[in-house]
Protein backbone atom coordinates (compact mmCIF):
# COMPACT_ATOMS: atom_id res chain seq x y z
CA ALA A 1 13.11 -4.74 18.60
CA HIS A 2 10.97 -2.59 16.32
CA VAL A 3 8.05 -1.97 18.55
CA ASP A 4 5.65 -0.42 15.89
CA HIS A 5 6.40 -3.09 12.98
CA GLY A 6 3.14 -4.32 11.69
CA LYS A 7 1.31 -1.42 13.51
CA PRO A 8 -0.60 1.31 11.68
CA GLN A 9 1.14 4.71 11.77
CA PHE A 10 -1.25 6.47 9.70
CA GLY A 11 -4.81 4.86 9.99
CA GLY A 12 -4.65 2.44 7.60
CA VAL A 13 -3.90 -1.39 6.97
CA VAL A 14 -0.42 -2.96 6.81
CA SER A 15 0.86 -5.71 4.86
CA GLU A 16 4.53 -6.79 4.03
CA ALA A 17 6.13 -8.06 0.80
CA GLY A 18 9.73 -8.76 0.67
CA GLU A 19 11.82 -6.16 2.33
CA ALA A 20 9.07 -3.65 2.53
CA GLN A 21 6.38 -2.99 5.00
CA PHE A 22 3.14 -1.15 3.32
CA GLU A 23 0.43 0.75 5.12
CA ILE A 24 -2.37 1.19 3.01
CA VAL A 25 -4.78 4.41 3.68
CA SER A 26 -8.12 5.36 2.50
CA ALA A 27 -9.05 8.95 3.03
CA ASP A 28 -11.22 11.87 1.10
CA GLY A 29 -11.11 9.47 -2.19
CA LYS A 30 -7.69 8.94 -2.37
CA ILE A 31 -5.63 5.86 -1.69
CA THR A 32 -2.19 6.57 0.00
CA VAL A 33 0.14 3.83 0.42
CA HIS A 34 3.22 4.47 2.82
CA ALA A 35 6.52 2.16 2.43
CA SER A 36 8.92 1.39 5.08
CA ASN A 37 11.63 -1.05 5.88
CA HIS A 38 11.93 -1.91 9.53
CA GLY A 39 10.45 1.54 10.40
CA ALA A 40 12.68 3.53 7.93
CA PRO A 41 10.88 4.97 4.97
CA VAL A 42 11.51 3.33 1.76
CA ALA A 43 12.24 6.07 -1.36
CA THR A 44 9.19 5.53 -3.66
CA ASP A 45 10.93 7.90 -6.80
CA GLY A 46 10.26 6.10 -10.25
CA GLY A 47 7.97 3.63 -8.52
CA SER A 48 4.49 2.71 -9.54
CA GLY A 49 1.82 0.36 -8.49
CA LYS A 50 -1.84 -0.93 -8.71
CA LEU A 51 -3.98 -1.71 -5.76
CA THR A 52 -6.87 -4.29 -6.58
CA ILE A 53 -10.01 -3.78 -4.42
CA LEU A 54 -12.10 -6.72 -3.93
CA ALA A 55 -15.58 -6.27 -2.18
CA GLY A 56 -18.33 -8.57 -2.63
CA ALA A 57 -18.71 -9.42 -6.42
CA GLU A 58 -16.98 -5.97 -7.14
CA LYS A 59 -13.50 -5.64 -8.43
CA ARG A 60 -11.85 -2.41 -8.79
CA GLU A 61 -8.30 -1.32 -9.69
CA VAL A 62 -6.54 1.66 -8.70
CA LEU A 63 -3.25 2.85 -10.16
CA LEU A 64 -0.52 4.21 -7.92
CA LYS A 65 2.02 6.83 -8.82
CA ALA A 66 4.99 8.05 -6.80
CA ALA A 67 4.15 11.14 -4.68
CA GLY A 68 7.22 12.20 -2.86
CA ALA A 69 8.90 10.61 0.25
CA ASN A 70 7.78 7.07 0.62
CA ARG A 71 4.14 7.29 -0.70
CA LEU A 72 2.36 5.97 -3.69
CA THR A 73 -0.94 7.52 -4.36
CA GLY A 74 -4.15 7.20 -6.66
CA GLU A 75 -7.84 7.84 -6.79
CA GLY A 76 -10.06 5.21 -4.96
CA THR A 77 -11.55 4.21 -1.84
CA TYR A 78 -11.93 0.95 0.32
CA SER A 79 -14.04 -0.01 3.23
CA ALA A 80 -14.30 -2.68 5.88
CA GLY A 81 -14.20 -6.07 4.51
CA ALA A 82 -12.37 -5.31 1.32
CA LYS A 83 -9.70 -8.01 0.23
CA LEU A 84 -6.66 -5.88 -1.18
CA LEU A 85 -3.86 -6.80 -3.35
CA LEU A 86 -0.92 -4.34 -3.49
CA GLN A 87 1.46 -4.68 -6.53
CA VAL A 88 4.41 -2.60 -6.29
CA GLN A 89 7.48 -1.93 -8.96
CA TRP A 90 10.65 -0.02 -8.03
CA PRO A 91 12.70 0.73 -10.57
CA GLY A 92 15.45 -2.03 -11.58
CA LYS A 93 13.86 -4.27 -8.72
CA ALA A 94 11.65 -7.58 -8.91
CA PRO A 95 7.86 -6.53 -8.67
CA LEU A 96 6.31 -6.78 -4.84
CA GLN A 97 3.07 -7.99 -4.31
CA ALA A 98 1.24 -8.00 -0.56
CA ARG A 99 -1.98 -8.81 0.27
CA VAL A 100 -4.58 -7.80 3.31
CA VAL A 101 -8.27 -8.02 4.23
CA VAL A 102 -9.89 -4.55 5.70
CA ARG A 103 -10.96 -5.34 9.39
């Protein structure tokens, strides 16, 4: 089947929602969300999202916008132990929601 399903390809954390798998990566002050469906890139044109980061008593939100191909990006960071709640909206589709804890 899909050998890489559920495994990070870009050094981030992976979570699923509906028909999509998301890899959330924090690097150089930027959050990048890579979207795929069984290994095939999912187009993000016109898409948007929000990443809620819960770290201890702190809550931060990062707004995400389409950044070409299968990516959404925004300004922010997260660290180990953070709980991430990703909300994504594709044009004409029901919103997707994914959760993951950063190890």
